């Protein structure tokens, strides 16, 4: 348990950021699932639209340091590859 005021404040800050990070990572996973669903439905136009949105979400997470840039590149690359094969 935290004893100092500094430690108590740090706990409050980390809880706030944990909640914010969880929601942003959930948005990341949801955007990828949207793209994958449209790919499985064989809808190329929707896939491209959702991919554009997902790319934006992914890039924002990289800028904030929530995911590594290589992980972002891997996800974008794999999704784009699947869209191109439609």
PDB file of N, CA and C in Angstrom:
ATOM      1  N   UNK A   1       0.842  -1.183   0.000  1.00  0.00           N
ATOM      2  CA  UNK A   1       0.000   0.000   0.000  1.00  0.00           C
ATOM      3  C   UNK A   1       0.887   1.246   0.000  1.00  0.00           C
ATOM      4  N   UNK A   2       0.448   2.251  -0.732  1.00  0.00           N
ATOM      5  CA  UNK A   2       1.232   3.474  -0.840  1.00  0.00           C
ATOM      6  C   UNK A   2       1.173   4.279   0.456  1.00  0.00           C
ATOM      7  N   UNK A   3       2.321   4.797   0.857  1.00  0.00           N
ATOM      8  CA  UNK A   3       2.386   5.585   2.085  1.00  0.00           C
ATOM      9  C   UNK A   3       2.540   7.070   1.820  1.00  0.00           C
ATOM     10  N   UNK A   4       3.320   7.412   0.808  1.00  0.00           N
ATOM     11  CA  UNK A   4       3.579   8.824   0.551  1.00  0.00           C
ATOM     12  C   UNK A   4       2.540   9.400  -0.394  1.00  0.00           C
ATOM     13  N   UNK A   5       2.415  10.714  -0.363  1.00  0.00           N
ATOM     14  CA  UNK A   5       1.466  11.407  -1.243  1.00  0.00           C
ATOM     15  C   UNK A   5       1.851  11.179  -2.697  1.00  0.00           C
ATOM     16  N   UNK A   6       3.143  11.156  -2.962  1.00  0.00           N
ATOM     17  CA  UNK A   6       3.636  10.939  -4.329  1.00  0.00           C
ATOM     18  C   UNK A   6       3.217   9.568  -4.849  1.00  0.00           C
ATOM     19  N   UNK A   7       3.338   8.557  -3.992  1.00  0.00           N
ATOM     20  CA  UNK A   7       2.973   7.197  -4.401  1.00  0.00           C
ATOM     21  C   UNK A   7       1.476   7.073  -4.614  1.00  0.00           C
ATOM     22  N   UNK A   8       0.693   7.742  -3.780  1.00  0.00           N
ATOM     23  CA  UNK A   8      -0.767   7.711  -3.930  1.00  0.00           C
ATOM     24  C   UNK A   8      -1.197   8.364  -5.241  1.00  0.00           C
ATOM     25  N   UNK A   9      -0.550   9.492  -5.540  1.00  0.00           N
ATOM     26  CA  UNK A   9      -0.863  10.185  -6.799  1.00  0.00           C
ATOM     27  C   UNK A   9      -0.477   9.314  -7.993  1.00  0.00           C
ATOM     28  N   UNK A  10       0.662   8.650  -7.883  1.00  0.00           N
ATOM     29  CA  UNK A  10       1.129   7.794  -8.985  1.00  0.00           C
ATOM     30  C   UNK A  10       0.143   6.654  -9.229  1.00  0.00           C
ATOM     31  N   UNK A  11      -0.450   6.122  -8.177  1.00  0.00           N
ATOM     32  CA  UNK A  11      -1.456   5.063  -8.315  1.00  0.00           C
ATOM     33  C   UNK A  11      -2.680   5.599  -9.052  1.00  0.00           C
ATOM     34  N   UNK A  12      -3.120   6.808  -8.664  1.00  0.00           N
ATOM     35  CA  UNK A  12      -4.279   7.416  -9.340  1.00  0.00           C
ATOM     36  C   UNK A  12      -3.978   7.625 -10.821  1.00  0.00           C
ATOM     37  N   UNK A  13      -2.788   8.119 -11.115  1.00  0.00           N
ATOM     38  CA  UNK A  13      -2.412   8.377 -12.508  1.00  0.00           C
ATOM     39  C   UNK A  13      -2.350   7.083 -13.313  1.00  0.00           C
ATOM     40  N   UNK A  14      -1.759   6.063 -12.725  1.00  0.00           N
ATOM     41  CA  UNK A  14      -1.611   4.811 -13.466  1.00  0.00           C
ATOM     42  C   UNK A  14      -2.964   4.148 -13.702  1.00  0.00           C
ATOM     43  N   UNK A  15      -3.890   4.287 -12.765  1.00  0.00           N
ATOM     44  CA  UNK A  15      -5.238   3.742 -12.970  1.00  0.00           C
ATOM     45  C   UNK A  15      -5.963   4.454 -14.094  1.00  0.00           C
ATOM     46  N   UNK A  16      -5.821   5.784 -14.136  1.00  0.00           N
ATOM     47  CA  UNK A  16      -6.448   6.560 -15.220  1.00  0.00           C
ATOM     48  C   UNK A  16      -5.886   6.139 -16.582  1.00  0.00           C
ATOM     49  N   UNK A  17      -4.569   6.045 -16.653  1.00  0.00           N
ATOM     50  CA  UNK A  17      -3.955   5.703 -17.938  1.00  0.00           C
ATOM     51  C   UNK A  17      -4.263   4.264 -18.329  1.00  0.00           C
ATOM     52  N   UNK A  18      -4.370   3.370 -17.346  1.00  0.00           N
ATOM     53  CA  UNK A  18      -4.699   1.972 -17.644  1.00  0.00           C
ATOM     54  C   UNK A  18      -6.085   1.871 -18.276  1.00  0.00           C
ATOM     55  N   UNK A  19      -7.043   2.600 -17.730  1.00  0.00           N
ATOM     56  CA  UNK A  19      -8.404   2.589 -18.285  1.00  0.00           C
ATOM     57  C   UNK A  19      -8.402   3.169 -19.698  1.00  0.00           C
ATOM     58  N   UNK A  20      -7.683   4.284 -19.887  1.00  0.00           N
ATOM     59  CA  UNK A  20      -7.618   4.920 -21.199  1.00  0.00           C
ATOM     60  C   UNK A  20      -6.942   3.999 -22.209  1.00  0.00           C
ATOM     61  N   UNK A  21      -5.841   3.370 -21.809  1.00  0.00           N
ATOM     62  CA  UNK A  21      -5.108   2.472 -22.704  1.00  0.00           C
ATOM     63  C   UNK A  21      -5.943   1.257 -23.072  1.00  0.00           C
ATOM     64  N   UNK A  22      -6.686   0.717 -22.101  1.00  0.00           N
ATOM     65  CA  UNK A  22      -7.526  -0.452 -22.382  1.00  0.00           C
ATOM     66  C   UNK A  22      -8.583  -0.117 -23.429  1.00  0.00           C
ATOM     67  N   UNK A  23      -9.197   1.055 -23.311  1.00  0.00           N
ATOM     68  CA  UNK A  23     -10.245   1.415 -24.269  1.00  0.00           C
ATOM     69  C   UNK A  23      -9.661   1.629 -25.661  1.00  0.00           C
ATOM     70  N   UNK A  24      -8.464   2.206 -25.713  1.00  0.00           N
ATOM     71  CA  UNK A  24      -7.839   2.424 -27.014  1.00  0.00           C
ATOM     72  C   UNK A  24      -7.403   1.114 -27.653  1.00  0.00           C
ATOM     73  N   UNK A  25      -6.929   0.177 -26.855  1.00  0.00           N
ATOM     74  CA  UNK A  25      -6.542  -1.128 -27.400  1.00  0.00           C
ATOM     75  C   UNK A  25      -7.772  -1.916 -27.844  1.00  0.00           C
ATOM     76  N   UNK A  26      -8.880  -1.732 -27.138  1.00  0.00           N
ATOM     77  CA  UNK A  26     -10.131  -2.373 -27.542  1.00  0.00           C
ATOM     78  C   UNK A  26     -10.581  -1.829 -28.891  1.00  0.00           C
ATOM     79  N   UNK A  27     -10.454  -0.510 -29.056  1.00  0.00           N
ATOM     80  CA  UNK A  27     -10.810   0.123 -30.336  1.00  0.00           C
ATOM     81  C   UNK A  27      -9.921  -0.424 -31.458  1.00  0.00           C
ATOM     82  N   UNK A  28      -8.650  -0.639 -31.153  1.00  0.00           N
ATOM     83  CA  UNK A  28      -7.690  -1.210 -32.100  1.00  0.00           C
ATOM     84  C   UNK A  28      -8.141  -2.596 -32.559  1.00  0.00           C
ATOM     85  N   UNK A  29      -8.461  -3.458 -31.595  1.00  0.00           N
ATOM     86  CA  UNK A  29      -8.885  -4.821 -31.925  1.00  0.00           C
ATOM     87  C   UNK A  29     -10.211  -4.824 -32.683  1.00  0.00           C
ATOM     88  N   UNK A  30     -11.125  -3.953 -32.300  1.00  0.00           N
ATOM     89  CA  UNK A  30     -12.428  -3.882 -32.969  1.00  0.00           C
ATOM     90  C   UNK A  30     -12.282  -3.439 -34.421  1.00  0.00           C
ATOM     91  N   UNK A  31     -11.406  -2.471 -34.653  1.00  0.00           N
ATOM     92  CA  UNK A  31     -11.220  -1.986 -36.021  1.00  0.00           C
ATOM     93  C   UNK A  31     -10.638  -3.078 -36.912  1.00  0.00           C
ATOM     94  N   UNK A  32      -9.740  -3.884 -36.358  1.00  0.00           N
ATOM     95  CA  UNK A  32      -9.170  -4.998 -37.125  1.00  0.00           C
ATOM     96  C   UNK A  32     -10.245  -6.041 -37.417  1.00  0.00           C
ATOM     97  N   UNK A  33     -11.080  -6.329 -36.421  1.00  0.00           N
ATOM     98  CA  UNK A  33     -12.156  -7.306 -36.621  1.00  0.00           C
ATOM     99  C   UNK A  33     -13.144  -6.848 -37.684  1.00  0.00           C
ATOM    100  N   UNK A  34     -13.410  -5.538 -37.741  1.00  0.00           N
ATOM    101  CA  UNK A  34     -14.304  -4.998 -38.777  1.00  0.00           C
ATOM    102  C   UNK A  34     -13.746  -5.298 -40.166  1.00  0.00           C
ATOM    103  N   UNK A  35     -12.448  -5.049 -40.324  1.00  0.00           N
ATOM    104  CA  UNK A  35     -11.803  -5.297 -41.622  1.00  0.00           C
ATOM    105  C   UNK A  35     -11.872  -6.782 -41.961  1.00  0.00           C
ATOM    106  N   UNK A  36     -11.546  -7.631 -40.996  1.00  0.00           N
ATOM    107  CA  UNK A  36     -11.557  -9.075 -41.240  1.00  0.00           C
ATOM    108  C   UNK A  36     -12.962  -9.575 -41.581  1.00  0.00           C
ATOM    109  N   UNK A  37     -13.970  -9.007 -40.935  1.00  0.00           N
ATOM    110  CA  UNK A  37     -15.356  -9.403 -41.221  1.00  0.00           C
ATOM    111  C   UNK A  37     -15.734  -9.025 -42.649  1.00  0.00           C
ATOM    112  N   UNK A  38     -15.384  -7.805 -43.065  1.00  0.00           N
ATOM    113  CA  UNK A  38     -15.711  -7.380 -44.427  1.00  0.00           C
ATOM    114  C   UNK A  38     -14.922  -8.192 -45.457  1.00  0.00           C
ATOM    115  N   UNK A  39     -13.723  -8.626 -45.109  1.00  0.00           N
ATOM    116  CA  UNK A  39     -12.941  -9.476 -46.010  1.00  0.00           C
ATOM    117  C   UNK A  39     -13.615 -10.840 -46.152  1.00  0.00           C
ATOM    118  N   UNK A  40     -14.080 -11.376 -45.030  1.00  0.00           N
ATOM    119  CA  UNK A  40     -14.740 -12.685 -45.093  1.00  0.00           C
ATOM    120  C   UNK A  40     -16.078 -12.608 -45.830  1.00  0.00           C
ATOM    121  N   UNK A  41     -16.696 -11.406 -45.840  1.00  0.00           N
ATOM    122  CA  UNK A  41     -17.934 -11.201 -46.593  1.00  0.00           C
ATOM    123  C   UNK A  41     -17.662 -10.913 -48.067  1.00  0.00           C
ATOM    124  N   UNK A  42     -16.381 -10.859 -48.425  1.00  0.00           N
ATOM    125  CA  UNK A  42     -15.941 -10.622 -49.817  1.00  0.00           C
ATOM    126  C   UNK A  42     -16.387  -9.248 -50.332  1.00  0.00           C
ATOM    127  N   UNK A  43     -16.409  -8.248 -49.462  1.00  0.00           N
ATOM    128  CA  UNK A  43     -16.821  -6.892 -49.830  1.00  0.00           C
ATOM    129  C   UNK A  43     -15.582  -6.000 -49.895  1.00  0.00           C
ATOM    130  N   UNK A  44     -15.070  -5.815 -51.110  1.00  0.00           N
ATOM    131  CA  UNK A  44     -13.800  -5.107 -51.277  1.00  0.00           C
ATOM    132  C   UNK A  44     -13.908  -3.621 -50.921  1.00  0.00           C
ATOM    133  N   UNK A  45     -15.023  -2.983 -51.295  1.00  0.00           N
ATOM    134  CA  UNK A  45     -15.171  -1.556 -51.009  1.00  0.00           C
ATOM    135  C   UNK A  45     -15.230  -1.287 -49.504  1.00  0.00           C
ATOM    136  N   UNK A  46     -16.034  -2.067 -48.796  1.00  0.00           N
ATOM    137  CA  UNK A  46     -16.131  -1.909 -47.340  1.00  0.00           C
ATOM    138  C   UNK A  46     -14.787  -2.213 -46.687  1.00  0.00           C
ATOM    139  N   UNK A  47     -14.115  -3.228 -47.203  1.00  0.00           N
ATOM    140  CA  UNK A  47     -12.813  -3.610 -46.645  1.00  0.00           C
ATOM    141  C   UNK A  47     -11.824  -2.463 -46.743  1.00  0.00           C
ATOM    142  N   UNK A  48     -11.779  -1.821 -47.891  1.00  0.00           N
ATOM    143  CA  UNK A  48     -10.862  -0.691 -48.071  1.00  0.00           C
ATOM    144  C   UNK A  48     -11.213   0.459 -47.138  1.00  0.00           C
ATOM    145  N   UNK A  49     -12.510   0.706 -46.983  1.00  0.00           N
ATOM    146  CA  UNK A  49     -12.969   1.782 -46.098  1.00  0.00           C
ATOM    147  C   UNK A  49     -12.589   1.482 -44.639  1.00  0.00           C
ATOM    148  N   UNK A  50     -12.878   0.276 -44.197  1.00  0.00           N
ATOM    149  CA  UNK A  50     -12.549  -0.115 -42.825  1.00  0.00           C
ATOM    150  C   UNK A  50     -11.042  -0.179 -42.609  1.00  0.00           C
ATOM    151  N   UNK A  51     -10.309  -0.570 -43.638  1.00  0.00           N
ATOM    152  CA  UNK A  51      -8.853  -0.630 -43.534  1.00  0.00           C
ATOM    153  C   UNK A  51      -8.275   0.765 -43.324  1.00  0.00           C
ATOM    154  N   UNK A  52      -8.844   1.734 -44.013  1.00  0.00           N
ATOM    155  CA  UNK A  52      -8.382   3.111 -43.864  1.00  0.00           C
ATOM    156  C   UNK A  52      -8.605   3.595 -42.428  1.00  0.00           C
ATOM    157  N   UNK A  53      -9.776   3.268 -41.864  1.00  0.00           N
ATOM    158  CA  UNK A  53     -10.070   3.644 -40.481  1.00  0.00           C
ATOM    159  C   UNK A  53      -9.137   2.913 -39.511  1.00  0.00           C
ATOM    160  N   UNK A  54      -8.931   1.624 -39.761  1.00  0.00           N
ATOM    161  CA  UNK A  54      -8.071   0.828 -38.892  1.00  0.00           C
ATOM    162  C   UNK A  54      -6.633   1.347 -38.921  1.00  0.00           C
ATOM    163  N   UNK A  55      -6.167   1.732 -40.087  1.00  0.00           N
ATOM    164  CA  UNK A  55      -4.817   2.263 -40.226  1.00  0.00           C
ATOM    165  C   UNK A  55      -4.647   3.521 -39.385  1.00  0.00           C
ATOM    166  N   UNK A  56      -5.668   4.358 -39.398  1.00  0.00           N
ATOM    167  CA  UNK A  56      -5.632   5.577 -38.600  1.00  0.00           C
ATOM    168  C   UNK A  56      -5.542   5.257 -37.113  1.00  0.00           C
ATOM    169  N   UNK A  57      -6.357   4.316 -36.670  1.00  0.00           N
ATOM    170  CA  UNK A  57      -6.352   3.912 -35.254  1.00  0.00           C
ATOM    171  C   UNK A  57      -4.997   3.322 -34.880  1.00  0.00           C
ATOM    172  N   UNK A  58      -4.476   2.466 -35.738  1.00  0.00           N
ATOM    173  CA  UNK A  58      -3.188   1.809 -35.465  1.00  0.00           C
ATOM    174  C   UNK A  58      -2.070   2.844 -35.363  1.00  0.00           C
ATOM    175  N   UNK A  59      -2.048   3.790 -36.291  1.00  0.00           N
ATOM    176  CA  UNK A  59      -0.994   4.807 -36.282  1.00  0.00           C
ATOM    177  C   UNK A  59      -1.066   5.691 -35.032  1.00  0.00           C
ATOM    178  N   UNK A  60      -2.280   5.969 -34.572  1.00  0.00           N
ATOM    179  CA  UNK A  60      -2.431   6.772 -33.359  1.00  0.00           C
ATOM    180  C   UNK A  60      -1.881   6.034 -32.148  1.00  0.00           C
ATOM    181  N   UNK A  61      -2.105   4.721 -32.091  1.00  0.00           N
ATOM    182  CA  UNK A  61      -1.591   3.943 -30.962  1.00  0.00           C
ATOM    183  C   UNK A  61      -0.070   3.891 -30.970  1.00  0.00           C
ATOM    184  N   UNK A  62       0.509   3.834 -32.153  1.00  0.00           N
ATOM    185  CA  UNK A  62       1.972   3.833 -32.254  1.00  0.00           C
ATOM    186  C   UNK A  62       2.516   5.175 -31.770  1.00  0.00           C
ATOM    187  N   UNK A  63       1.868   6.253 -32.177  1.00  0.00           N
ATOM    188  CA  UNK A  63       2.322   7.584 -31.776  1.00  0.00           C
ATOM    189  C   UNK A  63       2.254   7.760 -30.259  1.00  0.00           C
ATOM    190  N   UNK A  64       1.269   7.137 -29.633  1.00  0.00           N
ATOM    191  CA  UNK A  64       1.113   7.237 -28.180  1.00  0.00           C
ATOM    192  C   UNK A  64       1.962   6.215 -27.433  1.00  0.00           C
ATOM    193  N   UNK A  65       2.585   5.301 -28.166  1.00  0.00           N
ATOM    194  CA  UNK A  65       3.462   4.324 -27.544  1.00  0.00           C
ATOM    195  C   UNK A  65       2.744   3.126 -26.951  1.00  0.00           C
ATOM    196  N   UNK A  66       1.507   2.878 -27.366  1.00  0.00           N
ATOM    197  CA  UNK A  66       0.754   1.750 -26.813  1.00  0.00           C
ATOM    198  C   UNK A  66       1.068   0.440 -27.512  1.00  0.00           C
ATOM    199  N   UNK A  67       1.445   0.515 -28.775  1.00  0.00           N
ATOM    200  CA  UNK A  67       1.905  -0.682 -29.481  1.00  0.00           C
ATOM    201  C   UNK A  67       3.200  -0.335 -30.216  1.00  0.00           C
ATOM    202  N   UNK A  68       3.976  -1.348 -30.492  1.00  0.00           N
ATOM    203  CA  UNK A  68       5.259  -1.157 -31.163  1.00  0.00           C
ATOM    204  C   UNK A  68       5.027  -0.898 -32.647  1.00  0.00           C
ATOM    205  N   UNK A  69       5.906  -0.122 -33.257  1.00  0.00           N
ATOM    206  CA  UNK A  69       5.737   0.228 -34.670  1.00  0.00           C
ATOM    207  C   UNK A  69       5.804  -0.995 -35.572  1.00  0.00           C
ATOM    208  N   UNK A  70       6.590  -2.006 -35.189  1.00  0.00           N
ATOM    209  CA  UNK A  70       6.673  -3.211 -36.010  1.00  0.00           C
ATOM    210  C   UNK A  70       5.383  -4.023 -35.938  1.00  0.00           C
ATOM    211  N   UNK A  71       4.754  -4.028 -34.776  1.00  0.00           N
ATOM    212  CA  UNK A  71       3.468  -4.719 -34.637  1.00  0.00           C
ATOM    213  C   UNK A  71       2.432  -4.024 -35.505  1.00  0.00           C
ATOM    214  N   UNK A  72       2.445  -2.706 -35.520  1.00  0.00           N
ATOM    215  CA  UNK A  72       1.510  -1.942 -36.336  1.00  0.00           C
ATOM    216  C   UNK A  72       1.734  -2.243 -37.818  1.00  0.00           C
ATOM    217  N   UNK A  73       2.986  -2.247 -38.226  1.00  0.00           N
ATOM    218  CA  UNK A  73       3.319  -2.539 -39.622  1.00  0.00           C
ATOM    219  C   UNK A  73       2.874  -3.940 -40.009  1.00  0.00           C
ATOM    220  N   UNK A  74       3.062  -4.875 -39.106  1.00  0.00           N
ATOM    221  CA  UNK A  74       2.672  -6.258 -39.380  1.00  0.00           C
ATOM    222  C   UNK A  74       1.159  -6.366 -39.585  1.00  0.00           C
ATOM    223  N   UNK A  75       0.396  -5.731 -38.716  1.00  0.00           N
ATOM    224  CA  UNK A  75      -1.060  -5.784 -38.845  1.00  0.00           C
ATOM    225  C   UNK A  75      -1.528  -5.121 -40.139  1.00  0.00           C
ATOM    226  N   UNK A  76      -0.989  -3.939 -40.421  1.00  0.00           N
ATOM    227  CA  UNK A  76      -1.398  -3.227 -41.635  1.00  0.00           C
ATOM    228  C   UNK A  76      -1.027  -4.015 -42.882  1.00  0.00           C
ATOM    229  N   UNK A  77       0.160  -4.595 -42.872  1.00  0.00           N
ATOM    230  CA  UNK A  77       0.625  -5.355 -44.020  1.00  0.00           C
ATOM    231  C   UNK A  77      -0.253  -6.578 -44.283  1.00  0.00           C
ATOM    232  N   UNK A  78      -0.563  -7.309 -43.228  1.00  0.00           N
ATOM    233  CA  UNK A  78      -1.368  -8.519 -43.388  1.00  0.00           C
ATOM    234  C   UNK A  78      -2.792  -8.202 -43.836  1.00  0.00           C
ATOM    235  N   UNK A  79      -3.358  -7.150 -43.279  1.00  0.00           N
ATOM    236  CA  UNK A  79      -4.716  -6.773 -43.681  1.00  0.00           C
ATOM    237  C   UNK A  79      -4.738  -6.330 -45.143  1.00  0.00           C
ATOM    238  N   UNK A  80      -3.767  -5.501 -45.512  1.00  0.00           N
ATOM    239  CA  UNK A  80      -3.711  -5.010 -46.887  1.00  0.00           C
ATOM    240  C   UNK A  80      -3.508  -6.158 -47.863  1.00  0.00           C
ATOM    241  N   UNK A  81      -2.690  -7.126 -47.497  1.00  0.00           N
ATOM    242  CA  UNK A  81      -2.442  -8.289 -48.347  1.00  0.00           C
ATOM    243  C   UNK A  81      -3.731  -9.079 -48.564  1.00  0.00           C
ATOM    244  N   UNK A  82      -4.521  -9.228 -47.504  1.00  0.00           N
ATOM    245  CA  UNK A  82      -5.794  -9.951 -47.628  1.00  0.00           C
ATOM    246  C   UNK A  82      -6.781  -9.211 -48.503  1.00  0.00           C
ATOM    247  N   UNK A  83      -6.787  -7.884 -48.397  1.00  0.00           N
ATOM    248  CA  UNK A  83      -7.707  -7.077 -49.213  1.00  0.00           C
ATOM    249  C   UNK A  83      -7.328  -7.188 -50.682  1.00  0.00           C
ATOM    250  N   UNK A  84      -6.043  -7.180 -50.957  1.00  0.00           N
ATOM    251  CA  UNK A  84      -5.584  -7.254 -52.362  1.00  0.00           C
ATOM    252  C   UNK A  84      -5.925  -8.585 -53.004  1.00  0.00           C
ATOM    253  N   UNK A  85      -6.026  -9.648 -52.219  1.00  0.00           N
ATOM    254  CA  UNK A  85      -6.342 -10.951 -52.806  1.00  0.00           C
ATOM    255  C   UNK A  85      -7.838 -11.127 -53.077  1.00  0.00           C
ATOM    256  N   UNK A  86      -8.667 -10.168 -52.641  1.00  0.00           N
ATOM    257  CA  UNK A  86     -10.113 -10.281 -52.911  1.00  0.00           C
ATOM    258  C   UNK A  86     -10.432 -10.192 -54.388  1.00  0.00           C
TER     259      UNK A  86
END
